[in-house]
Every structure is written in C-alpha cells, then in structure tokens.
PDB file of all heavy atoms in Angstrom:
ATOM      1  N   GLN A   1     -38.605 173.225 188.401  1.00  0.00           N
ATOM      2  CA  GLN A   1     -37.784 172.805 187.276  1.00  0.00           C
ATOM      3  C   GLN A   1     -38.455 171.643 186.564  1.00  0.00           C
ATOM      4  O   GLN A   1     -38.695 170.600 187.158  1.00  0.00           O
ATOM      5  CB  GLN A   1     -36.390 172.386 187.749  1.00  0.00           C
ATOM      6  CG  GLN A   1     -35.456 171.990 186.628  1.00  0.00           C
ATOM      7  CD  GLN A   1     -35.139 173.148 185.688  1.00  0.00           C
ATOM      8  OE1 GLN A   1     -34.701 174.199 186.122  1.00  0.00           O
ATOM      9  NE2 GLN A   1     -35.376 172.958 184.403  1.00  0.00           N
ATOM     10  N   SER A   2     -38.741 171.813 185.284  1.00  0.00           N
ATOM     11  CA  SER A   2     -39.382 170.754 184.507  1.00  0.00           C
ATOM     12  C   SER A   2     -38.378 169.664 184.171  1.00  0.00           C
ATOM     13  O   SER A   2     -37.232 169.941 183.802  1.00  0.00           O
ATOM     14  CB  SER A   2     -39.977 171.312 183.211  1.00  0.00           C
ATOM     15  OG  SER A   2     -41.015 172.220 183.489  1.00  0.00           O
ATOM     16  N   VAL A   3     -38.816 168.418 184.318  1.00  0.00           N
ATOM     17  CA  VAL A   3     -38.000 167.298 183.887  1.00  0.00           C
ATOM     18  C   VAL A   3     -37.841 167.345 182.373  1.00  0.00           C
ATOM     19  O   VAL A   3     -36.791 167.071 181.823  1.00  0.00           O
ATOM     20  CB  VAL A   3     -38.630 165.967 184.341  1.00  0.00           C
ATOM     21  CG1 VAL A   3     -37.841 164.789 183.802  1.00  0.00           C
ATOM     22  CG2 VAL A   3     -38.721 165.921 185.859  1.00  0.00           C
ATOM     23  N   LYS A   4     -38.909 167.684 181.696  1.00  0.00           N
ATOM     24  CA  LYS A   4     -38.876 167.988 180.276  1.00  0.00           C
ATOM     25  C   LYS A   4     -39.819 169.155 180.072  1.00  0.00           C
ATOM     26  O   LYS A   4     -40.592 169.516 180.973  1.00  0.00           O
ATOM     27  CB  LYS A   4     -39.308 166.781 179.443  1.00  0.00           C
ATOM     28  CG  LYS A   4     -40.725 166.298 179.730  1.00  0.00           C
ATOM     29  CD  LYS A   4     -41.072 165.114 178.846  1.00  0.00           C
ATOM     30  CE  LYS A   4     -42.502 164.638 179.122  1.00  0.00           C
ATOM     31  NZ  LYS A   4     -42.867 163.508 178.250  1.00  0.00           N
ATOM     32  N   LYS A   5     -39.743 169.763 178.915  1.00  0.00           N
ATOM     33  CA  LYS A   5     -40.541 170.952 178.671  1.00  0.00           C
ATOM     34  C   LYS A   5     -42.021 170.650 178.860  1.00  0.00           C
ATOM     35  O   LYS A   5     -42.575 169.748 178.258  1.00  0.00           O
ATOM     36  CB  LYS A   5     -40.286 171.472 177.255  1.00  0.00           C
ATOM     37  CG  LYS A   5     -40.890 172.856 177.013  1.00  0.00           C
ATOM     38  CD  LYS A   5     -40.477 173.399 175.666  1.00  0.00           C
ATOM     39  CE  LYS A   5     -41.058 174.804 175.469  1.00  0.00           C
ATOM     40  NZ  LYS A   5     -40.657 175.364 174.160  1.00  0.00           N
ATOM     41  N   GLY A   6     -42.671 171.418 179.716  1.00  0.00           N
ATOM     42  CA  GLY A   6     -44.084 171.175 180.034  1.00  0.00           C
ATOM     43  C   GLY A   6     -44.208 170.478 181.364  1.00  0.00           C
ATOM     44  O   GLY A   6     -43.896 171.035 182.395  1.00  0.00           O
ATOM     45  N   ASN A   7     -44.647 169.230 181.367  1.00  0.00           N
ATOM     46  CA  ASN A   7     -44.843 168.431 182.579  1.00  0.00           C
ATOM     47  C   ASN A   7     -44.095 167.124 182.439  1.00  0.00           C
ATOM     48  O   ASN A   7     -43.836 166.664 181.331  1.00  0.00           O
ATOM     49  CB  ASN A   7     -46.341 168.154 182.790  1.00  0.00           C
ATOM     50  CG  ASN A   7     -47.034 169.329 183.430  1.00  0.00           C
ATOM     51  OD1 ASN A   7     -46.600 169.837 184.449  1.00  0.00           O
ATOM     52  ND2 ASN A   7     -48.111 169.773 182.812  1.00  0.00           N
ATOM     53  N   PRO A   8     -43.786 166.454 183.527  1.00  0.00           N
ATOM     54  CA  PRO A   8     -43.938 166.867 184.916  1.00  0.00           C
ATOM     55  C   PRO A   8     -42.802 167.784 185.364  1.00  0.00           C
ATOM     56  O   PRO A   8     -41.908 168.086 184.580  1.00  0.00           O
ATOM     57  CB  PRO A   8     -43.885 165.529 185.666  1.00  0.00           C
ATOM     58  CG  PRO A   8     -42.996 164.694 184.819  1.00  0.00           C
ATOM     59  CD  PRO A   8     -43.263 165.092 183.394  1.00  0.00           C
ATOM     60  N   TYR A   9     -42.847 168.197 186.634  1.00  0.00           N
ATOM     61  CA  TYR A   9     -41.796 169.074 187.138  1.00  0.00           C
ATOM     62  C   TYR A   9     -41.497 168.755 188.602  1.00  0.00           C
ATOM     63  O   TYR A   9     -42.319 168.192 189.320  1.00  0.00           O
ATOM     64  CB  TYR A   9     -42.191 170.547 186.999  1.00  0.00           C
ATOM     65  CG  TYR A   9     -43.393 170.970 187.805  1.00  0.00           C
ATOM     66  CD1 TYR A   9     -43.264 171.430 189.119  1.00  0.00           C
ATOM     67  CD2 TYR A   9     -44.673 170.922 187.256  1.00  0.00           C
ATOM     68  CE1 TYR A   9     -44.366 171.825 189.857  1.00  0.00           C
ATOM     69  CE2 TYR A   9     -45.785 171.318 187.984  1.00  0.00           C
ATOM     70  CZ  TYR A   9     -45.616 171.773 189.285  1.00  0.00           C
ATOM     71  OH  TYR A   9     -46.717 172.163 190.011  1.00  0.00           O
ATOM     72  N   LEU A  10     -40.302 169.107 189.008  1.00  0.00           N
ATOM     73  CA  LEU A  10     -39.888 169.022 190.402  1.00  0.00           C
ATOM     74  C   LEU A  10     -39.964 170.418 191.001  1.00  0.00           C
ATOM     75  O   LEU A  10     -39.763 171.415 190.303  1.00  0.00           O
ATOM     76  CB  LEU A  10     -38.462 168.479 190.506  1.00  0.00           C
ATOM     77  CG  LEU A  10     -38.226 167.063 189.972  1.00  0.00           C
ATOM     78  CD1 LEU A  10     -36.744 166.720 190.047  1.00  0.00           C
ATOM     79  CD2 LEU A  10     -39.041 166.050 190.764  1.00  0.00           C
ATOM     80  N   ALA A  11     -40.224 170.488 192.310  1.00  0.00           N
ATOM     81  CA  ALA A  11     -40.367 171.793 192.934  1.00  0.00           C
ATOM     82  C   ALA A  11     -39.991 171.725 194.404  1.00  0.00           C
ATOM     83  O   ALA A  11     -40.101 170.677 195.049  1.00  0.00           O
ATOM     84  CB  ALA A  11     -41.806 172.308 192.786  1.00  0.00           C
ATOM     85  N   ALA A  12     -39.568 172.863 194.923  1.00  0.00           N
ATOM     86  CA  ALA A  12     -39.217 172.967 196.338  1.00  0.00           C
ATOM     87  C   ALA A  12     -39.488 174.394 196.802  1.00  0.00           C
ATOM     88  O   ALA A  12     -39.431 175.342 196.008  1.00  0.00           O
ATOM     89  CB  ALA A  12     -37.758 172.600 196.573  1.00  0.00           C
ATOM     90  N   SER A  13     -39.787 174.531 198.082  1.00  0.00           N
ATOM     91  CA  SER A  13     -40.013 175.860 198.645  1.00  0.00           C
ATOM     92  C   SER A  13     -39.574 175.890 200.100  1.00  0.00           C
ATOM     93  O   SER A  13     -39.621 174.870 200.802  1.00  0.00           O
ATOM     94  CB  SER A  13     -41.486 176.269 198.536  1.00  0.00           C
ATOM     95  OG  SER A  13     -42.314 175.389 199.288  1.00  0.00           O
ATOM     96  N   VAL A  14     -39.134 177.045 200.543  1.00  0.00           N
ATOM     97  CA  VAL A  14     -38.806 177.283 201.952  1.00  0.00           C
ATOM     98  C   VAL A  14     -39.380 178.641 202.326  1.00  0.00           C
ATOM     99  O   VAL A  14     -39.394 179.571 201.511  1.00  0.00           O
ATOM    100  CB  VAL A  14     -37.285 177.251 202.207  1.00  0.00           C
ATOM    101  CG1 VAL A  14     -36.736 175.857 202.035  1.00  0.00           C
ATOM    102  CG2 VAL A  14     -36.558 178.231 201.293  1.00  0.00           C
ATOM    103  N   SER A  15     -39.872 178.753 203.543  1.00  0.00           N
ATOM    104  CA  SER A  15     -40.434 180.036 203.993  1.00  0.00           C
ATOM    105  C   SER A  15     -40.246 180.201 205.488  1.00  0.00           C
ATOM    106  O   SER A  15     -40.153 179.224 206.239  1.00  0.00           O
ATOM    107  CB  SER A  15     -41.923 180.127 203.644  1.00  0.00           C
ATOM    108  OG  SER A  15     -42.688 179.179 204.381  1.00  0.00           O
ATOM    109  N   TYR A  16     -40.190 181.457 205.876  1.00  0.00           N
ATOM    110  CA  TYR A  16     -40.168 181.824 207.297  1.00  0.00           C
ATOM    111  C   TYR A  16     -41.226 182.886 207.511  1.00  0.00           C
ATOM    112  O   TYR A  16     -41.256 183.905 206.810  1.00  0.00           O
ATOM    113  CB  TYR A  16     -38.800 182.363 207.714  1.00  0.00           C
ATOM    114  CG  TYR A  16     -38.791 183.018 209.078  1.00  0.00           C
ATOM    115  CD1 TYR A  16     -38.871 182.255 210.250  1.00  0.00           C
ATOM    116  CD2 TYR A  16     -38.723 184.407 209.202  1.00  0.00           C
ATOM    117  CE1 TYR A  16     -38.875 182.855 211.503  1.00  0.00           C
ATOM    118  CE2 TYR A  16     -38.728 185.026 210.451  1.00  0.00           C
ATOM    119  CZ  TYR A  16     -38.805 184.243 211.599  1.00  0.00           C
ATOM    120  OH  TYR A  16     -38.817 184.837 212.844  1.00  0.00           O
ATOM    121  N   VAL A  17     -42.125 182.646 208.458  1.00  0.00           N
ATOM    122  CA  VAL A  17     -43.187 183.594 208.793  1.00  0.00           C
ATOM    123  C   VAL A  17     -43.102 183.916 210.275  1.00  0.00           C
ATOM    124  O   VAL A  17     -43.111 183.011 211.119  1.00  0.00           O
ATOM    125  CB  VAL A  17     -44.583 183.024 208.467  1.00  0.00           C
ATOM    126  CG1 VAL A  17     -45.668 184.020 208.878  1.00  0.00           C
ATOM    127  CG2 VAL A  17     -44.703 182.706 206.985  1.00  0.00           C
ATOM    128  N   ALA A  18     -43.005 185.204 210.590  1.00  0.00           N
ATOM    129  CA  ALA A  18     -42.960 185.663 211.983  1.00  0.00           C
ATOM    130  C   ALA A  18     -44.308 186.268 212.337  1.00  0.00           C
ATOM    131  O   ALA A  18     -44.669 187.340 211.841  1.00  0.00           O
ATOM    132  CB  ALA A  18     -41.844 186.672 212.181  1.00  0.00           C
ATOM    133  N   LYS A  19     -45.044 185.577 213.177  1.00  0.00           N
ATOM    134  CA  LYS A  19     -46.406 185.975 213.524  1.00  0.00           C
ATOM    135  C   LYS A  19     -46.451 187.316 214.246  1.00  0.00           C
ATOM    136  O   LYS A  19     -47.389 188.100 214.067  1.00  0.00           O
ATOM    137  CB  LYS A  19     -47.020 184.877 214.394  1.00  0.00           C
ATOM    138  CG  LYS A  19     -48.464 185.051 214.750  1.00  0.00           C
ATOM    139  CD  LYS A  19     -48.939 183.840 215.548  1.00  0.00           C
ATOM    140  CE  LYS A  19     -50.400 183.930 215.927  1.00  0.00           C
ATOM    141  NZ  LYS A  19     -50.831 182.723 216.684  1.00  0.00           N
ATOM    142  N   GLU A  20     -45.430 187.584 215.092  1.00  0.00           N
ATOM    143  CA  GLU A  20     -45.419 188.805 215.907  1.00  0.00           C
ATOM    144  C   GLU A  20     -44.265 189.713 215.505  1.00  0.00           C
ATOM    145  O   GLU A  20     -43.620 190.344 216.340  1.00  0.00           O
ATOM    146  CB  GLU A  20     -45.299 188.437 217.387  1.00  0.00           C
ATOM    147  CG  GLU A  20     -46.349 187.472 217.891  1.00  0.00           C
ATOM    148  CD  GLU A  20     -47.747 188.063 217.921  1.00  0.00           C
ATOM    149  OE1 GLU A  20     -47.870 189.295 217.765  1.00  0.00           O
ATOM    150  OE2 GLU A  20     -48.723 187.314 218.088  1.00  0.00           O
ATOM    151  N   ALA A  21     -43.986 189.825 214.224  1.00  0.00           N
ATOM    152  CA  ALA A  21     -42.820 190.575 213.750  1.00  0.00           C
ATOM    153  C   ALA A  21     -42.888 192.062 214.057  1.00  0.00           C
ATOM    154  O   ALA A  21     -41.859 192.740 214.097  1.00  0.00           O
ATOM    155  CB  ALA A  21     -42.658 190.366 212.239  1.00  0.00           C
ATOM    156  N   GLN A  22     -44.080 192.586 214.283  1.00  0.00           N
ATOM    157  CA  GLN A  22     -44.238 194.019 214.486  1.00  0.00           C
ATOM    158  C   GLN A  22     -43.869 194.477 215.893  1.00  0.00           C
ATOM    159  O   GLN A  22     -43.740 195.676 216.151  1.00  0.00           O
ATOM    160  CB  GLN A  22     -45.676 194.435 214.172  1.00  0.00           C
ATOM    161  CG  GLN A  22     -46.711 194.081 215.233  1.00  0.00           C
ATOM    162  CD  GLN A  22     -47.160 192.627 215.185  1.00  0.00           C
ATOM    163  OE1 GLN A  22     -46.637 191.848 214.383  1.00  0.00           O
ATOM    164  NE2 GLN A  22     -48.110 192.264 216.005  1.00  0.00           N
ATOM    165  N   LYS A  23     -43.662 193.544 216.824  1.00  0.00           N
ATOM    166  CA  LYS A  23     -43.401 193.895 218.222  1.00  0.00           C
ATOM    167  C   LYS A  23     -41.898 194.006 218.485  1.00  0.00           C
ATOM    168  O   LYS A  23     -41.119 193.145 218.068  1.00  0.00           O
ATOM    169  CB  LYS A  23     -44.022 192.855 219.147  1.00  0.00           C
ATOM    170  CG  LYS A  23     -45.547 192.791 219.050  1.00  0.00           C
ATOM    171  CD  LYS A  23     -46.124 191.738 219.985  1.00  0.00           C
ATOM    172  CE  LYS A  23     -47.639 191.674 219.876  1.00  0.00           C
ATOM    173  NZ  LYS A  23     -48.221 190.626 220.754  1.00  0.00           N
ATOM    174  N   GLY A  24     -41.500 195.053 219.212  1.00  0.00           N
ATOM    175  CA  GLY A  24     -40.086 195.321 219.455  1.00  0.00           C
ATOM    176  C   GLY A  24     -39.469 194.555 220.603  1.00  0.00           C
ATOM    177  O   GLY A  24     -38.250 194.373 220.643  1.00  0.00           O
ATOM    178  N   ASN A  25     -40.267 194.092 221.564  1.00  0.00           N
ATOM    179  CA  ASN A  25     -39.744 193.326 222.700  1.00  0.00           C
ATOM    180  C   ASN A  25     -39.426 191.908 222.224  1.00  0.00           C
ATOM    181  O   ASN A  25     -40.323 191.167 221.832  1.00  0.00           O
ATOM    182  CB  ASN A  25     -40.782 193.287 223.819  1.00  0.00           C
ATOM    183  CG  ASN A  25     -40.247 192.624 225.082  1.00  0.00           C
ATOM    184  OD1 ASN A  25     -39.299 191.840 225.039  1.00  0.00           O
ATOM    185  ND2 ASN A  25     -40.857 192.941 226.217  1.00  0.00           N
ATOM    186  N   PRO A  26     -38.150 191.487 222.268  1.00  0.00           N
ATOM    187  CA  PRO A  26     -37.795 190.151 221.752  1.00  0.00           C
ATOM    188  C   PRO A  26     -38.449 189.006 222.504  1.00  0.00           C
ATOM    189  O   PRO A  26     -38.497 187.888 221.994  1.00  0.00           O
ATOM    190  CB  PRO A  26     -36.271 190.122 221.890  1.00  0.00           C
ATOM    191  CG  PRO A  26     -35.959 191.133 222.947  1.00  0.00           C
ATOM    192  CD  PRO A  26     -36.975 192.209 222.790  1.00  0.00           C
ATOM    193  N   ASN A  27     -38.934 189.260 223.710  1.00  0.00           N
ATOM    194  CA  ASN A  27     -39.638 188.216 224.462  1.00  0.00           C
ATOM    195  C   ASN A  27     -41.086 188.069 224.018  1.00  0.00           C
ATOM    196  O   ASN A  27     -41.752 187.083 224.344  1.00  0.00           O
ATOM    197  CB  ASN A  27     -39.593 188.523 225.960  1.00  0.00           C
ATOM    198  CG  ASN A  27     -38.182 188.495 226.518  1.00  0.00           C
ATOM    199  OD1 ASN A  27     -37.398 187.611 226.179  1.00  0.00           O
ATOM    200  ND2 ASN A  27     -37.853 189.479 227.349  1.00  0.00           N
ATOM    201  N   GLU A  28     -41.565 189.070 223.261  1.00  0.00           N
ATOM    202  CA  GLU A  28     -42.952 189.049 222.823  1.00  0.00           C
ATOM    203  C   GLU A  28     -43.106 189.082 221.305  1.00  0.00           C
ATOM    204  O   GLU A  28     -44.197 188.823 220.787  1.00  0.00           O
ATOM    205  CB  GLU A  28     -43.705 190.256 223.411  1.00  0.00           C
ATOM    206  CG  GLU A  28     -43.754 190.255 224.926  1.00  0.00           C
ATOM    207  CD  GLU A  28     -44.461 191.483 225.468  1.00  0.00           C
ATOM    208  OE1 GLU A  28     -44.780 192.386 224.650  1.00  0.00           O
ATOM    209  OE2 GLU A  28     -44.691 191.553 226.687  1.00  0.00           O
ATOM    210  N   GLY A  29     -42.038 189.410 220.604  1.00  0.00           N
ATOM    211  CA  GLY A  29     -42.147 189.517 219.160  1.00  0.00           C
ATOM    212  C   GLY A  29     -40.805 189.729 218.499  1.00  0.00           C
ATOM    213  O   GLY A  29     -39.749 189.426 219.058  1.00  0.00           O
ATOM    214  N   GLY A  30     -40.860 190.244 217.253  1.00  0.00           N
ATOM    215  CA  GLY A  30     -39.657 190.457 216.473  1.00  0.00           C
ATOM    216  C   GLY A  30     -39.428 189.341 215.465  1.00  0.00           C
ATOM    217  O   GLY A  30     -40.179 188.368 215.381  1.00  0.00           O
ATOM    218  N   ILE A  31     -38.358 189.496 214.699  1.00  0.00           N
ATOM    219  CA  ILE A  31     -37.981 188.515 213.684  1.00  0.00           C
ATOM    220  C   ILE A  31     -36.770 187.720 214.163  1.00  0.00           C
ATOM    221  O   ILE A  31     -35.790 188.294 214.649  1.00  0.00           O
ATOM    222  CB  ILE A  31     -37.664 189.213 212.350  1.00  0.00           C
ATOM    223  CG1 ILE A  31     -38.932 189.905 211.815  1.00  0.00           C
ATOM    224  CG2 ILE A  31     -37.145 188.219 211.314  1.00  0.00           C
ATOM    225  CD1 ILE A  31     -38.706 190.716 210.567  1.00  0.00           C
ATOM    226  N   MET A  32     -36.842 186.402 214.058  1.00  0.00           N
ATOM    227  CA  MET A  32     -35.786 185.496 214.491  1.00  0.00           C
ATOM    228  C   MET A  32     -35.493 185.638 215.984  1.00  0.00           C
ATOM    229  O   MET A  32     -34.346 185.547 216.429  1.00  0.00           O
ATOM    230  CB  MET A  32     -34.498 185.722 213.686  1.00  0.00           C
ATOM    231  CG  MET A  32     -34.635 185.431 212.214  1.00  0.00           C
ATOM    232  SD  MET A  32     -34.867 183.665 211.874  1.00  0.00           S
ATOM    233  CE  MET A  32     -34.900 183.658 210.089  1.00  0.00           C
ATOM    234  N   THR A  33     -36.543 185.864 216.756  1.00  0.00           N
ATOM    235  CA  THR A  33     -36.415 185.954 218.211  1.00  0.00           C
ATOM    236  C   THR A  33     -37.218 184.818 218.845  1.00  0.00           C
ATOM    237  O   THR A  33     -38.037 184.168 218.195  1.00  0.00           O
ATOM    238  CB  THR A  33     -36.935 187.301 218.742  1.00  0.00           C
ATOM    239  OG1 THR A  33     -38.337 187.396 218.438  1.00  0.00           O
ATOM    240  CG2 THR A  33     -36.201 188.464 218.096  1.00  0.00           C
ATOM    241  N   ASP A  34     -36.994 184.573 220.139  1.00  0.00           N
ATOM    242  CA  ASP A  34     -37.735 183.508 220.822  1.00  0.00           C
ATOM    243  C   ASP A  34     -39.217 183.809 220.922  1.00  0.00           C
ATOM    244  O   ASP A  34     -40.039 182.889 220.987  1.00  0.00           O
ATOM    245  CB  ASP A  34     -37.160 183.308 222.237  1.00  0.00           C
ATOM    246  CG  ASP A  34     -35.779 182.698 222.231  1.00  0.00           C
ATOM    247  OD1 ASP A  34     -35.421 182.088 221.207  1.00  0.00           O
ATOM    248  OD2 ASP A  34     -35.050 182.853 223.239  1.00  0.00           O
ATOM    249  N   GLY A  35     -39.562 185.096 220.936  1.00  0.00           N
ATOM    250  CA  GLY A  35     -40.980 185.467 221.076  1.00  0.00           C
ATOM    251  C   GLY A  35     -41.645 185.854 219.777  1.00  0.00           C
ATOM    252  O   GLY A  35     -42.773 186.371 219.788  1.00  0.00           O
ATOM    253  N   GLY A  36     -40.992 185.629 218.630  1.00  0.00           N
ATOM    254  CA  GLY A  36     -41.535 186.096 217.353  1.00  0.00           C
ATOM    255  C   GLY A  36     -42.644 185.251 216.784  1.00  0.00           C
ATOM    256  O   GLY A  36     -43.300 185.649 215.824  1.00  0.00           O
ATOM    257  N   GLY A  37     -42.882 184.064 217.383  1.00  0.00           N
ATOM    258  CA  GLY A  37     -43.910 183.187 216.832  1.00  0.00           C
ATOM    259  C   GLY A  37     -43.567 182.742 215.427  1.00  0.00           C
ATOM    260  O   GLY A  37     -44.399 182.800 214.515  1.00  0.00           O
ATOM    261  N   GLY A  38     -42.357 182.268 215.249  1.00  0.00           N
ATOM    262  CA  GLY A  38     -41.881 181.924 213.916  1.00  0.00           C
ATOM    263  C   GLY A  38     -42.277 180.529 213.460  1.00  0.00           C
ATOM    264  O   GLY A  38     -42.325 179.587 214.252  1.00  0.00           O
ATOM    265  N   SER A  39     -42.533 180.398 212.172  1.00  0.00           N
ATOM    266  CA  SER A  39     -42.790 179.109 211.536  1.00  0.00           C
ATOM    267  C   SER A  39     -41.828 178.963 210.358  1.00  0.00           C
ATOM    268  O   SER A  39     -41.827 179.792 209.439  1.00  0.00           O
ATOM    269  CB  SER A  39     -44.232 179.005 211.021  1.00  0.00           C
ATOM    270  OG  SER A  39     -45.142 178.764 212.075  1.00  0.00           O
ATOM    271  N   PHE A  40     -41.011 177.914 210.380  1.00  0.00           N
ATOM    272  CA  PHE A  40     -40.121 177.585 209.275  1.00  0.00           C
ATOM    273  C   PHE A  40     -40.749 176.411 208.521  1.00  0.00           C
ATOM    274  O   PHE A  40     -40.903 175.335 209.091  1.00  0.00           O
ATOM    275  CB  PHE A  40     -38.737 177.203 209.785  1.00  0.00           C
ATOM    276  CG  PHE A  40     -38.037 178.279 210.576  1.00  0.00           C
ATOM    277  CD1 PHE A  40     -38.291 178.430 211.929  1.00  0.00           C
ATOM    278  CD2 PHE A  40     -37.137 179.133 209.964  1.00  0.00           C
ATOM    279  CE1 PHE A  40     -37.653 179.417 212.671  1.00  0.00           C
ATOM    280  CE2 PHE A  40     -36.498 180.124 210.696  1.00  0.00           C
ATOM    281  CZ  PHE A  40     -36.755 180.265 212.048  1.00  0.00           C
ATOM    282  N   THR A  41     -41.081 176.617 207.258  1.00  0.00           N
ATOM    283  CA  THR A  41     -41.769 175.582 206.478  1.00  0.00           C
ATOM    284  C   THR A  41     -40.964 175.248 205.227  1.00  0.00           C
ATOM    285  O   THR A  41     -40.489 176.151 204.527  1.00  0.00           O
ATOM    286  CB  THR A  41     -43.177 176.045 206.066  1.00  0.00           C
ATOM    287  OG1 THR A  41     -43.900 176.474 207.221  1.00  0.00           O
ATOM    288  CG2 THR A  41     -43.948 174.920 205.390  1.00  0.00           C
ATOM    289  N   ALA A  42     -40.813 173.960 204.957  1.00  0.00           N
ATOM    290  CA  ALA A  42     -40.113 173.508 203.751  1.00  0.00           C
ATOM    291  C   ALA A  42     -40.960 172.436 203.070  1.00  0.00           C
ATOM    292  O   ALA A  42     -41.565 171.590 203.725  1.00  0.00           O
ATOM    293  CB  ALA A  42     -38.737 172.950 204.097  1.00  0.00           C
ATOM    294  N   GLN A  43     -40.996 172.497 201.741  1.00  0.00           N
ATOM    295  CA  GLN A  43     -41.763 171.516 200.968  1.00  0.00           C
ATOM    296  C   GLN A  43     -40.938 171.041 199.770  1.00  0.00           C
ATOM    297  O   GLN A  43     -40.226 171.830 199.133  1.00  0.00           O
ATOM    298  CB  GLN A  43     -43.070 172.130 200.450  1.00  0.00           C
ATOM    299  CG  GLN A  43     -43.980 171.143 199.723  1.00  0.00           C
ATOM    300  CD  GLN A  43     -45.061 171.826 198.907  1.00  0.00           C
ATOM    301  OE1 GLN A  43     -44.776 172.577 197.975  1.00  0.00           O
ATOM    302  NE2 GLN A  43     -46.322 171.584 199.271  1.00  0.00           N
TER     303      GLN A  43
END
C-alpha cells in the first residue's frame, strides 16, 4: 500500500511452506503436521 501515489510504500507478507508436503505419513510429512517440515514466515 503506497503512502502516496508512487513511493514510498508499506508492505507485509505471510507464507507457509511445507518441505515434506508430498508424504502421507503425518510423522514424516504432510501439510500442517508435526512431520511436514513447515516454515511460517512473516515480514
């Protein structure tokens, strides 16, 4: 969101990445599981 048209601007982002999302065993992978290797990042 620009403070005024053009520059400068404020910005924010959030993301979730599951490193082992392709695996069906929740102990070894999956999404939002203990074994999914998840990273929650906010900026």
